[in-house]
Amino acid sequence: MYLSGVGEGASRYWDDERLAGQGIALEIYPSTDTIGESTRHAFAAAENRLVRVTERHDG
């Protein structure tokens, strides 16, 4: 799961160790001063993952 626009405090709280302890796979993209920037980064990462998974499945 990809989560974008997350505030700094929440981003620090949900570090990799805490997420792993909960059994959660989550990519966090902190908010920036530019509206929509973190969402674009999260979307690009999701597309990149989809391409890799599709290539592995088809290939």
C-alpha atoms as a PDB file:
ATOM      1  CA  MET A   1       0.000   0.000   0.000  1.00  0.00           C
ATOM      2  CA  TYR A   2       1.200   3.507  -0.762  1.00  0.00           C
ATOM      3  CA  LEU A   3       0.296   6.416   1.495  1.00  0.00           C
ATOM      4  CA  SER A   4       1.074   9.962   0.431  1.00  0.00           C
ATOM      5  CA  GLY A   5       0.793  13.397   2.008  1.00  0.00           C
ATOM      6  CA  VAL A   6       1.647  12.105   5.471  1.00  0.00           C
ATOM      7  CA  GLY A   7       2.728  14.625   8.085  1.00  0.00           C
ATOM      8  CA  GLU A   8       6.230  14.476   9.529  1.00  0.00           C
ATOM      9  CA  GLY A   9       5.141  13.162  12.935  1.00  0.00           C
ATOM     10  CA  ALA A  10       3.094  10.304  11.507  1.00  0.00           C
ATOM     11  CA  SER A  11       5.853   9.476   9.057  1.00  0.00           C
ATOM     12  CA  ARG A  12       8.397   9.184  11.880  1.00  0.00           C
ATOM     13  CA  TYR A  13       5.989   7.172  14.050  1.00  0.00           C
ATOM     14  CA  TRP A  14       5.286   4.587  11.327  1.00  0.00           C
ATOM     15  CA  ASP A  15       8.894   3.644  10.703  1.00  0.00           C
ATOM     16  CA  ASP A  16       9.901   0.348   9.056  1.00  0.00           C
ATOM     17  CA  GLU A  17      10.326  -1.430  12.383  1.00  0.00           C
ATOM     18  CA  ARG A  18       6.850  -0.496  13.624  1.00  0.00           C
ATOM     19  CA  LEU A  19       5.242  -1.439  10.315  1.00  0.00           C
ATOM     20  CA  ALA A  20       7.023  -4.796  10.229  1.00  0.00           C
ATOM     21  CA  GLY A  21       5.940  -5.472  13.809  1.00  0.00           C
ATOM     22  CA  GLN A  22       2.338  -5.023  12.716  1.00  0.00           C
ATOM     23  CA  GLY A  23       2.797  -7.141   9.580  1.00  0.00           C
ATOM     24  CA  ILE A  24       2.051  -4.155   7.372  1.00  0.00           C
ATOM     25  CA  ALA A  25       3.653  -3.446   4.001  1.00  0.00           C
ATOM     26  CA  LEU A  26       3.289   0.290   3.536  1.00  0.00           C
ATOM     27  CA  GLU A  27       5.281   2.820   1.567  1.00  0.00           C
ATOM     28  CA  ILE A  28       4.954   6.277   3.102  1.00  0.00           C
ATOM     29  CA  TYR A  29       5.536   9.444   1.087  1.00  0.00           C
ATOM     30  CA  PRO A  30       5.711  12.462   3.415  1.00  0.00           C
ATOM     31  CA  SER A  31       3.957  15.658   2.471  1.00  0.00           C
ATOM     32  CA  THR A  32       5.936  18.414   0.786  1.00  0.00           C
ATOM     33  CA  ASP A  33       5.382  22.116   0.226  1.00  0.00           C
ATOM     34  CA  THR A  34       4.235  21.364  -3.336  1.00  0.00           C
ATOM     35  CA  ILE A  35       0.625  20.214  -3.554  1.00  0.00           C
ATOM     36  CA  GLY A  36       0.365  16.776  -5.157  1.00  0.00           C
ATOM     37  CA  GLU A  37       4.098  16.086  -5.181  1.00  0.00           C
ATOM     38  CA  SER A  38       4.045  13.203  -2.713  1.00  0.00           C
ATOM     39  CA  THR A  39       1.058  11.697  -4.505  1.00  0.00           C
ATOM     40  CA  ARG A  40       2.930  11.772  -7.820  1.00  0.00           C
ATOM     41  CA  HIS A  41       5.907  10.050  -6.187  1.00  0.00           C
ATOM     42  CA  ALA A  42       3.686   7.367  -4.650  1.00  0.00           C
ATOM     43  CA  PHE A  43       1.870   6.812  -7.941  1.00  0.00           C
ATOM     44  CA  ALA A  44       5.159   6.482  -9.844  1.00  0.00           C
ATOM     45  CA  ALA A  45       6.413   3.928  -7.306  1.00  0.00           C
ATOM     46  CA  ALA A  46       3.184   1.935  -7.612  1.00  0.00           C
ATOM     47  CA  GLU A  47       3.411   1.953 -11.416  1.00  0.00           C
ATOM     48  CA  ASN A  48       7.051   0.854 -11.253  1.00  0.00           C
ATOM     49  CA  ARG A  49       6.134  -2.044  -8.973  1.00  0.00           C
ATOM     50  CA  LEU A  50       3.259  -3.047 -11.250  1.00  0.00           C
ATOM     51  CA  VAL A  51       5.596  -3.168 -14.248  1.00  0.00           C
ATOM     52  CA  ARG A  52       8.131  -5.321 -12.359  1.00  0.00           C
ATOM     53  CA  VAL A  53       5.454  -7.738 -11.141  1.00  0.00           C
ATOM     54  CA  THR A  54       3.851  -7.943 -14.586  1.00  0.00           C
ATOM     55  CA  GLU A  55       7.210  -8.587 -16.276  1.00  0.00           C
ATOM     56  CA  ARG A  56       8.017 -11.326 -13.774  1.00  0.00           C
ATOM     57  CA  HIS A  57       4.613 -12.944 -14.311  1.00  0.00           C
ATOM     58  CA  ASP A  58       4.684 -12.708 -18.117  1.00  0.00           C
ATOM     59  CA  GLY A  59       8.358 -13.293 -18.568  1.00  0.00           C
END
